[in-house]
PDB file of N, CA and C in Angstrom:
ATOM      1  N   TYR A   1       0.827  -1.196   0.003  1.00  0.00           N
ATOM      2  CA  TYR A   1      -0.003  -0.006  -0.003  1.00  0.00           C
ATOM      3  C   TYR A   1       0.857   1.242   0.002  1.00  0.00           C
ATOM      4  N   GLY A   2       0.272   2.379   0.236  1.00  0.00           N
ATOM      5  CA  GLY A   2       0.981   3.626   0.093  1.00  0.00           C
ATOM      6  C   GLY A   2       2.146   3.802   1.047  1.00  0.00           C
ATOM      7  N   THR A   3       3.126   4.543   0.611  1.00  0.00           N
ATOM      8  CA  THR A   3       4.268   4.882   1.438  1.00  0.00           C
ATOM      9  C   THR A   3       4.415   6.397   1.413  1.00  0.00           C
ATOM     10  N   ALA A   4       5.370   6.902   2.169  1.00  0.00           N
ATOM     11  CA  ALA A   4       5.599   8.340   2.209  1.00  0.00           C
ATOM     12  C   ALA A   4       6.182   8.872   0.893  1.00  0.00           C
ATOM     13  N   PHE A   5       6.766   7.997   0.067  1.00  0.00           N
ATOM     14  CA  PHE A   5       7.441   8.435  -1.137  1.00  0.00           C
ATOM     15  C   PHE A   5       6.778   7.962  -2.420  1.00  0.00           C
ATOM     16  N   GLY A   6       5.682   7.285  -2.354  1.00  0.00           N
ATOM     17  CA  GLY A   6       5.001   6.798  -3.533  1.00  0.00           C
ATOM     18  C   GLY A   6       4.011   5.725  -3.089  1.00  0.00           C
ATOM     19  N   GLY A   7       3.319   5.130  -4.029  1.00  0.00           N
ATOM     20  CA  GLY A   7       2.401   4.073  -3.630  1.00  0.00           C
ATOM     21  C   GLY A   7       1.344   3.810  -4.657  1.00  0.00           C
ATOM     22  N   ASP A   8       0.248   3.223  -4.197  1.00  0.00           N
ATOM     23  CA  ASP A   8      -0.840   2.806  -5.057  1.00  0.00           C
ATOM     24  C   ASP A   8      -1.737   3.984  -5.433  1.00  0.00           C
ATOM     25  N   LYS A   9      -2.516   3.775  -6.458  1.00  0.00           N
ATOM     26  CA  LYS A   9      -3.508   4.758  -6.905  1.00  0.00           C
ATOM     27  C   LYS A   9      -4.717   4.726  -5.961  1.00  0.00           C
ATOM     28  N   ILE A  10      -5.431   5.831  -5.875  1.00  0.00           N
ATOM     29  CA  ILE A  10      -6.593   5.924  -5.015  1.00  0.00           C
ATOM     30  C   ILE A  10      -7.674   4.939  -5.451  1.00  0.00           C
ATOM     31  N   ALA A  11      -7.837   4.765  -6.745  1.00  0.00           N
ATOM     32  CA  ALA A  11      -8.861   3.842  -7.263  1.00  0.00           C
ATOM     33  C   ALA A  11      -8.590   2.415  -6.798  1.00  0.00           C
ATOM     34  N   ASP A  12      -7.297   2.014  -6.776  1.00  0.00           N
ATOM     35  CA  ASP A  12      -6.958   0.670  -6.330  1.00  0.00           C
ATOM     36  C   ASP A  12      -7.283   0.496  -4.845  1.00  0.00           C
ATOM     37  N   LEU A  13      -6.951   1.508  -4.043  1.00  0.00           N
ATOM     38  CA  LEU A  13      -7.243   1.415  -2.622  1.00  0.00           C
ATOM     39  C   LEU A  13      -8.743   1.418  -2.356  1.00  0.00           C
ATOM     40  N   SER A  14      -9.500   2.171  -3.156  1.00  0.00           N
ATOM     41  CA  SER A  14     -10.949   2.204  -3.001  1.00  0.00           C
ATOM     42  C   SER A  14     -11.554   0.824  -3.267  1.00  0.00           C
ATOM     43  N   LYS A  15     -11.043   0.114  -4.271  1.00  0.00           N
ATOM     44  CA  LYS A  15     -11.520  -1.234  -4.559  1.00  0.00           C
ATOM     45  C   LYS A  15     -11.290  -2.183  -3.392  1.00  0.00           C
ATOM     46  N   VAL A  16     -10.115  -2.085  -2.797  1.00  0.00           N
ATOM     47  CA  VAL A  16      -9.806  -2.940  -1.625  1.00  0.00           C
ATOM     48  C   VAL A  16     -10.731  -2.624  -0.471  1.00  0.00           C
ATOM     49  N   LEU A  17     -10.988  -1.326  -0.218  1.00  0.00           N
ATOM     50  CA  LEU A  17     -11.890  -0.939   0.864  1.00  0.00           C
ATOM     51  C   LEU A  17     -13.282  -1.501   0.644  1.00  0.00           C
ATOM     52  N   ILE A  18     -13.791  -1.420  -0.589  1.00  0.00           N
ATOM     53  CA  ILE A  18     -15.129  -1.939  -0.897  1.00  0.00           C
ATOM     54  C   ILE A  18     -15.158  -3.444  -0.713  1.00  0.00           C
ATOM     55  N   GLU A  19     -14.108  -4.165  -1.133  1.00  0.00           N
ATOM     56  CA  GLU A  19     -14.057  -5.617  -0.961  1.00  0.00           C
ATOM     57  C   GLU A  19     -14.101  -6.024   0.514  1.00  0.00           C
ATOM     58  N   LYS A  20     -13.505  -5.216   1.364  1.00  0.00           N
ATOM     59  CA  LYS A  20     -13.461  -5.520   2.797  1.00  0.00           C
ATOM     60  C   LYS A  20     -14.679  -5.017   3.549  1.00  0.00           C
ATOM     61  N   GLY A  21     -15.598  -4.340   2.841  1.00  0.00           N
ATOM     62  CA  GLY A  21     -16.850  -3.888   3.480  1.00  0.00           C
ATOM     63  C   GLY A  21     -16.786  -2.496   4.061  1.00  0.00           C
ATOM     64  N   PHE A  22     -15.859  -1.675   3.629  1.00  0.00           N
ATOM     65  CA  PHE A  22     -15.745  -0.309   4.142  1.00  0.00           C
ATOM     66  C   PHE A  22     -16.200   0.687   3.079  1.00  0.00           C
ATOM     67  N   ASN A  23     -16.337   1.939   3.459  1.00  0.00           N
ATOM     68  CA  ASN A  23     -16.674   3.024   2.552  1.00  0.00           C
ATOM     69  C   ASN A  23     -15.504   3.225   1.579  1.00  0.00           C
ATOM     70  N   TYR A  24     -15.801   3.510   0.304  1.00  0.00           N
ATOM     71  CA  TYR A  24     -14.740   3.623  -0.691  1.00  0.00           C
ATOM     72  C   TYR A  24     -13.845   4.843  -0.495  1.00  0.00           C
ATOM     73  N   LEU A  25     -14.288   5.844   0.282  1.00  0.00           N
ATOM     74  CA  LEU A  25     -13.481   7.025   0.554  1.00  0.00           C
ATOM     75  C   LEU A  25     -12.574   6.842   1.787  1.00  0.00           C
ATOM     76  N   GLY A  26     -12.763   5.748   2.510  1.00  0.00           N
ATOM     77  CA  GLY A  26     -11.988   5.540   3.735  1.00  0.00           C
ATOM     78  C   GLY A  26     -12.610   6.190   4.945  1.00  0.00           C
ATOM     79  N   LYS A  27     -13.850   6.690   4.809  1.00  0.00           N
ATOM     80  CA  LYS A  27     -14.541   7.330   5.934  1.00  0.00           C
ATOM     81  C   LYS A  27     -15.607   6.368   6.431  1.00  0.00           C
ATOM     82  N   ASP A  28     -15.719   6.191   7.729  1.00  0.00           N
ATOM     83  CA  ASP A  28     -16.720   5.306   8.321  1.00  0.00           C
ATOM     84  C   ASP A  28     -17.221   5.874   9.615  1.00  0.00           C
ATOM     85  N   MET A  29     -18.426   5.435   9.989  1.00  0.00           N
ATOM     86  CA  MET A  29     -19.017   5.836  11.277  1.00  0.00           C
ATOM     87  C   MET A  29     -18.434   4.924  12.346  1.00  0.00           C
ATOM     88  N   LEU A  30     -18.040   5.515  13.460  1.00  0.00           N
ATOM     89  CA  LEU A  30     -17.546   4.769  14.600  1.00  0.00           C
ATOM     90  C   LEU A  30     -18.566   4.760  15.708  1.00  0.00           C
ATOM     91  N   THR A  31     -18.473   3.779  16.578  1.00  0.00           N
ATOM     92  CA  THR A  31     -19.356   3.682  17.713  1.00  0.00           C
ATOM     93  C   THR A  31     -18.612   4.117  18.964  1.00  0.00           C
ATOM     94  N   SER A  32     -19.256   4.900  19.815  1.00  0.00           N
ATOM     95  CA  SER A  32     -18.623   5.352  21.039  1.00  0.00           C
ATOM     96  C   SER A  32     -18.385   4.171  21.972  1.00  0.00           C
ATOM     97  N   GLY A  33     -17.196   4.095  22.536  1.00  0.00           N
ATOM     98  CA  GLY A  33     -16.900   3.012  23.466  1.00  0.00           C
ATOM     99  C   GLY A  33     -17.547   3.227  24.829  1.00  0.00           C
ATOM    100  N   LEU A  34     -17.968   4.455  25.135  1.00  0.00           N
ATOM    101  CA  LEU A  34     -18.579   4.730  26.444  1.00  0.00           C
ATOM    102  C   LEU A  34     -20.096   4.513  26.423  1.00  0.00           C
ATOM    103  N   THR A  35     -20.767   5.016  25.380  1.00  0.00           N
ATOM    104  CA  THR A  35     -22.228   4.969  25.352  1.00  0.00           C
ATOM    105  C   THR A  35     -22.757   3.891  24.412  1.00  0.00           C
ATOM    106  N   GLY A  36     -21.960   3.447  23.447  1.00  0.00           N
ATOM    107  CA  GLY A  36     -22.436   2.457  22.473  1.00  0.00           C
ATOM    108  C   GLY A  36     -23.229   3.070  21.323  1.00  0.00           C
ATOM    109  N   GLU A  37     -23.345   4.393  21.276  1.00  0.00           N
ATOM    110  CA  GLU A  37     -24.073   5.063  20.210  1.00  0.00           C
ATOM    111  C   GLU A  37     -23.118   5.473  19.098  1.00  0.00           C
ATOM    112  N   PRO A  38     -23.612   5.576  17.851  1.00  0.00           N
ATOM    113  CA  PRO A  38     -22.732   6.007  16.766  1.00  0.00           C
ATOM    114  C   PRO A  38     -22.298   7.454  16.941  1.00  0.00           C
ATOM    115  N   LEU A  39     -21.072   7.755  16.590  1.00  0.00           N
ATOM    116  CA  LEU A  39     -20.571   9.125  16.655  1.00  0.00           C
ATOM    117  C   LEU A  39     -21.210   9.959  15.530  1.00  0.00           C
ATOM    118  N   GLN A  40     -21.287  11.262  15.719  1.00  0.00           N
ATOM    119  CA  GLN A  40     -22.000  12.139  14.807  1.00  0.00           C
ATOM    120  C   GLN A  40     -21.218  12.537  13.576  1.00  0.00           C
ATOM    121  N   SER A  41     -20.002  12.049  13.406  1.00  0.00           N
ATOM    122  CA  SER A  41     -19.206  12.458  12.244  1.00  0.00           C
ATOM    123  C   SER A  41     -18.496  11.254  11.639  1.00  0.00           C
ATOM    124  N   TYR A  42     -18.121  11.403  10.386  1.00  0.00           N
ATOM    125  CA  TYR A  42     -17.342  10.376   9.708  1.00  0.00           C
ATOM    126  C   TYR A  42     -15.882  10.487  10.164  1.00  0.00           C
ATOM    127  N   ILE A  43     -15.253   9.357  10.297  1.00  0.00           N
ATOM    128  CA  ILE A  43     -13.849   9.306  10.701  1.00  0.00           C
ATOM    129  C   ILE A  43     -13.037   8.753   9.508  1.00  0.00           C
ATOM    130  N   PHE A  44     -11.971   9.440   9.151  1.00  0.00           N
ATOM    131  CA  PHE A  44     -11.122   8.979   8.040  1.00  0.00           C
ATOM    132  C   PHE A  44     -10.073   8.023   8.567  1.00  0.00           C
ATOM    133  N   PHE A  45      -9.936   6.877   7.891  1.00  0.00           N
ATOM    134  CA  PHE A  45      -8.899   5.895   8.250  1.00  0.00           C
ATOM    135  C   PHE A  45      -7.883   5.861   7.137  1.00  0.00           C
ATOM    136  N   GLY A  46      -6.633   5.813   7.496  1.00  0.00           N
ATOM    137  CA  GLY A  46      -5.576   5.688   6.495  1.00  0.00           C
ATOM    138  C   GLY A  46      -4.224   5.872   7.121  1.00  0.00           C
ATOM    139  N   PRO A  47      -3.192   5.463   6.403  1.00  0.00           N
ATOM    140  CA  PRO A  47      -1.816   5.613   6.960  1.00  0.00           C
ATOM    141  C   PRO A  47      -1.377   7.069   6.907  1.00  0.00           C
ATOM    142  N   ILE A  48      -0.733   7.489   7.990  1.00  0.00           N
ATOM    143  CA  ILE A  48      -0.160   8.820   8.053  1.00  0.00           C
ATOM    144  C   ILE A  48       1.302   8.631   8.451  1.00  0.00           C
ATOM    145  N   PHE A  49       2.197   9.228   7.706  1.00  0.00           N
ATOM    146  CA  PHE A  49       3.616   9.030   7.938  1.00  0.00           C
ATOM    147  C   PHE A  49       4.194  10.234   8.645  1.00  0.00           C
ATOM    148  N   TYR A  50       4.831   9.982   9.760  1.00  0.00           N
ATOM    149  CA  TYR A  50       5.503  11.023  10.527  1.00  0.00           C
ATOM    150  C   TYR A  50       7.004  10.759  10.515  1.00  0.00           C
ATOM    151  N   GLN A  51       7.760  11.790  10.658  1.00  0.00           N
ATOM    152  CA  GLN A  51       9.204  11.642  10.732  1.00  0.00           C
ATOM    153  C   GLN A  51       9.695  12.361  11.965  1.00  0.00           C
ATOM    154  N   LYS A  52      10.411  11.656  12.813  1.00  0.00           N
ATOM    155  CA  LYS A  52      10.903  12.248  14.058  1.00  0.00           C
ATOM    156  C   LYS A  52      11.960  13.291  13.744  1.00  0.00           C
ATOM    157  N   LEU A  53      11.824  14.465  14.309  1.00  0.00           N
ATOM    158  CA  LEU A  53      12.815  15.495  14.140  1.00  0.00           C
ATOM    159  C   LEU A  53      13.912  15.343  15.179  1.00  0.00           C
ATOM    160  N   LYS A  54      15.115  15.718  14.825  1.00  0.00           N
ATOM    161  CA  LYS A  54      16.255  15.573  15.701  1.00  0.00           C
ATOM    162  C   LYS A  54      16.406  16.776  16.634  1.00  0.00           C
ATOM    163  N   HIS A  55      15.509  17.743  16.550  1.00  0.00           N
ATOM    164  CA  HIS A  55      15.615  18.968  17.346  1.00  0.00           C
ATOM    165  C   HIS A  55      14.970  18.779  18.703  1.00  0.00           C
ATOM    166  N   MET A  56      15.516  17.883  19.495  1.00  0.00           N
ATOM    167  CA  MET A  56      14.990  17.651  20.837  1.00  0.00           C
ATOM    168  C   MET A  56      15.993  18.212  21.844  1.00  0.00           C
ATOM    169  N   VAL A  57      15.486  18.758  22.947  1.00  0.00           N
ATOM    170  CA  VAL A  57      16.357  19.369  23.956  1.00  0.00           C
ATOM    171  C   VAL A  57      17.327  18.341  24.513  1.00  0.00           C
ATOM    172  N   GLN A  58      16.845  17.124  24.720  1.00  0.00           N
ATOM    173  CA  GLN A  58      17.691  16.077  25.281  1.00  0.00           C
ATOM    174  C   GLN A  58      18.899  15.783  24.384  1.00  0.00           C
ATOM    175  N   ASP A  59      18.731  15.888  23.091  1.00  0.00           N
ATOM    176  CA  ASP A  59      19.844  15.645  22.172  1.00  0.00           C
ATOM    177  C   ASP A  59      20.814  16.819  22.103  1.00  0.00           C
ATOM    178  N   LYS A  60      20.366  18.016  22.475  1.00  0.00           N
ATOM    179  CA  LYS A  60      21.192  19.201  22.338  1.00  0.00           C
ATOM    180  C   LYS A  60      21.894  19.608  23.649  1.00  0.00           C
ATOM    181  N   MET A  61      21.444  19.066  24.773  1.00  0.00           N
ATOM    182  CA  MET A  61      22.032  19.449  26.053  1.00  0.00           C
ATOM    183  C   MET A  61      23.486  19.003  26.149  1.00  0.00           C
ATOM    184  N   HIS A  62      24.306  19.856  26.746  1.00  0.00           N
ATOM    185  CA  HIS A  62      25.728  19.531  26.881  1.00  0.00           C
ATOM    186  C   HIS A  62      26.280  20.292  28.073  1.00  0.00           C
ATOM    187  N   ALA A  63      27.034  19.605  28.922  1.00  0.00           N
ATOM    188  CA  ALA A  63      27.688  20.235  30.056  1.00  0.00           C
ATOM    189  C   ALA A  63      29.067  19.612  30.211  1.00  0.00           C
ATOM    190  N   ARG A  64      29.982  20.399  30.784  1.00  0.00           N
ATOM    191  CA  ARG A  64      31.348  19.897  30.949  1.00  0.00           C
ATOM    192  C   ARG A  64      31.968  20.554  32.166  1.00  0.00           C
ATOM    193  N   ALA A  65      32.579  19.769  33.024  1.00  0.00           N
ATOM    194  CA  ALA A  65      33.328  20.293  34.148  1.00  0.00           C
ATOM    195  C   ALA A  65      34.826  20.187  33.828  1.00  0.00           C
ATOM    196  N   ARG A  66      35.253  18.988  33.494  1.00  0.00           N
ATOM    197  CA  ARG A  66      36.643  18.750  33.086  1.00  0.00           C
ATOM    198  C   ARG A  66      36.626  17.930  31.813  1.00  0.00           C
ATOM    199  N   GLY A  67      37.649  18.077  31.014  1.00  0.00           N
ATOM    200  CA  GLY A  67      37.692  17.331  29.785  1.00  0.00           C
ATOM    201  C   GLY A  67      38.937  17.615  28.996  1.00  0.00           C
ATOM    202  N   PRO A  68      38.932  17.199  27.743  1.00  0.00           N
ATOM    203  CA  PRO A  68      40.135  17.362  26.905  1.00  0.00           C
ATOM    204  C   PRO A  68      40.447  18.831  26.635  1.00  0.00           C
ATOM    205  N   ARG A  69      41.759  19.087  26.429  1.00  0.00           N
ATOM    206  CA  ARG A  69      42.217  20.436  26.126  1.00  0.00           C
ATOM    207  C   ARG A  69      43.045  20.404  24.856  1.00  0.00           C
ATOM    208  N   SER A  70      43.098  21.533  24.200  1.00  0.00           N
ATOM    209  CA  SER A  70      43.914  21.669  23.003  1.00  0.00           C
ATOM    210  C   SER A  70      45.412  21.656  23.402  1.00  0.00           C
ATOM    211  N   VAL A  71      46.220  20.953  22.653  1.00  0.00           N
ATOM    212  CA  VAL A  71      47.648  20.840  22.974  1.00  0.00           C
ATOM    213  C   VAL A  71      48.344  22.172  22.822  1.00  0.00           C
ATOM    214  N   LEU A  72      48.038  22.919  21.781  1.00  0.00           N
ATOM    215  CA  LEU A  72      48.731  24.157  21.466  1.00  0.00           C
ATOM    216  C   LEU A  72      48.382  25.279  22.458  1.00  0.00           C
ATOM    217  N   THR A  73      47.089  25.511  22.686  1.00  0.00           N
ATOM    218  CA  THR A  73      46.683  26.651  23.498  1.00  0.00           C
ATOM    219  C   THR A  73      46.309  26.283  24.933  1.00  0.00           C
ATOM    220  N   ARG A  74      46.181  25.004  25.215  1.00  0.00           N
ATOM    221  CA  ARG A  74      45.768  24.487  26.529  1.00  0.00           C
ATOM    222  C   ARG A  74      44.385  24.967  26.919  1.00  0.00           C
ATOM    223  N   GLN A  75      43.581  25.335  25.950  1.00  0.00           N
ATOM    224  CA  GLN A  75      42.193  25.709  26.218  1.00  0.00           C
ATOM    225  C   GLN A  75      41.279  24.511  25.934  1.00  0.00           C
ATOM    226  N   PRO A  76      40.097  24.527  26.508  1.00  0.00           N
ATOM    227  CA  PRO A  76      39.168  23.406  26.261  1.00  0.00           C
ATOM    228  C   PRO A  76      38.863  23.268  24.774  1.00  0.00           C
ATOM    229  N   THR A  77      38.719  22.037  24.319  1.00  0.00           N
ATOM    230  CA  THR A  77      38.362  21.801  22.920  1.00  0.00           C
ATOM    231  C   THR A  77      36.994  22.412  22.642  1.00  0.00           C
ATOM    232  N   GLU A  78      36.741  22.672  21.366  1.00  0.00           N
ATOM    233  CA  GLU A  78      35.507  23.349  20.988  1.00  0.00           C
ATOM    234  C   GLU A  78      34.509  22.355  20.422  1.00  0.00           C
ATOM    235  N   GLY A  79      33.264  22.438  20.835  1.00  0.00           N
ATOM    236  CA  GLY A  79      32.216  21.630  20.247  1.00  0.00           C
ATOM    237  C   GLY A  79      31.704  20.516  21.154  1.00  0.00           C
ATOM    238  N   ARG A  80      30.430  20.253  21.030  1.00  0.00           N
ATOM    239  CA  ARG A  80      29.799  19.219  21.828  1.00  0.00           C
ATOM    240  C   ARG A  80      30.293  17.831  21.446  1.00  0.00           C
ATOM    241  N   SER A  81      30.542  17.596  20.170  1.00  0.00           N
ATOM    242  CA  SER A  81      30.954  16.276  19.726  1.00  0.00           C
ATOM    243  C   SER A  81      32.358  15.919  20.247  1.00  0.00           C
ATOM    244  N   ARG A  82      33.168  16.921  20.563  1.00  0.00           N
ATOM    245  CA  ARG A  82      34.522  16.682  21.090  1.00  0.00           C
ATOM    246  C   ARG A  82      34.575  16.817  22.593  1.00  0.00           C
ATOM    247  N   ASP A  83      33.397  16.803  23.252  1.00  0.00           N
ATOM    248  CA  ASP A  83      33.301  16.996  24.705  1.00  0.00           C
ATOM    249  C   ASP A  83      33.969  18.319  25.110  1.00  0.00           C
ATOM    250  N   GLY A  84      33.707  19.358  24.304  1.00  0.00           N
ATOM    251  CA  GLY A  84      34.363  20.634  24.514  1.00  0.00           C
ATOM    252  C   GLY A  84      33.584  21.548  25.432  1.00  0.00           C
ATOM    253  N   GLY A  85      34.190  22.682  25.684  1.00  0.00           N
ATOM    254  CA  GLY A  85      33.566  23.681  26.556  1.00  0.00           C
ATOM    255  C   GLY A  85      32.795  24.714  25.758  1.00  0.00           C
ATOM    256  N   LEU A  86      31.993  25.485  26.460  1.00  0.00           N
ATOM    257  CA  LEU A  86      31.217  26.546  25.839  1.00  0.00           C
ATOM    258  C   LEU A  86      31.798  27.880  26.280  1.00  0.00           C
ATOM    259  N   ARG A  87      32.115  28.734  25.338  1.00  0.00           N
ATOM    260  CA  ARG A  87      32.689  30.029  25.682  1.00  0.00           C
ATOM    261  C   ARG A  87      31.600  31.000  26.089  1.00  0.00           C
ATOM    262  N   LEU A  88      31.814  31.717  27.158  1.00  0.00           N
ATOM    263  CA  LEU A  88      30.900  32.753  27.599  1.00  0.00           C
ATOM    264  C   LEU A  88      31.634  34.090  27.561  1.00  0.00           C
ATOM    265  N   GLY A  89      30.967  35.128  27.111  1.00  0.00           N
ATOM    266  CA  GLY A  89      31.575  36.443  27.066  1.00  0.00           C
ATOM    267  C   GLY A  89      32.672  36.563  26.027  1.00  0.00           C
ATOM    268  N   GLU A  90      32.549  35.846  24.958  1.00  0.00           N
ATOM    269  CA  GLU A  90      33.553  35.889  23.899  1.00  0.00           C
ATOM    270  C   GLU A  90      33.550  37.249  23.205  1.00  0.00           C
ATOM    271  N   MET A  91      34.724  37.809  22.963  1.00  0.00           N
ATOM    272  CA  MET A  91      34.812  39.097  22.272  1.00  0.00           C
ATOM    273  C   MET A  91      35.009  38.864  20.787  1.00  0.00           C
ATOM    274  N   GLU A  92      34.540  39.784  19.976  1.00  0.00           N
ATOM    275  CA  GLU A  92      34.669  39.635  18.525  1.00  0.00           C
ATOM    276  C   GLU A  92      35.846  40.381  17.990  1.00  0.00           C
TER     277      GLU A  92
END
């Protein structure tokens, strides 16, 4: 069936839905699990593709007390990937 980068035609998917006893548009009435009555709106069923973004705080956090230093300047290495320090009050 469909993927995020390509897939089947809508007509083909509609035929499969009809064969399985569903609405050809992918919309169906659902029954409430609490009251047992039908819900007042159509619900669309279908695959939805999400992609996790790498912009999470947990992935970006970095702290350092002691760590590697540059041989030439004896200052902390630069960058999170090198376990480096963060400069504060840097002049331009």
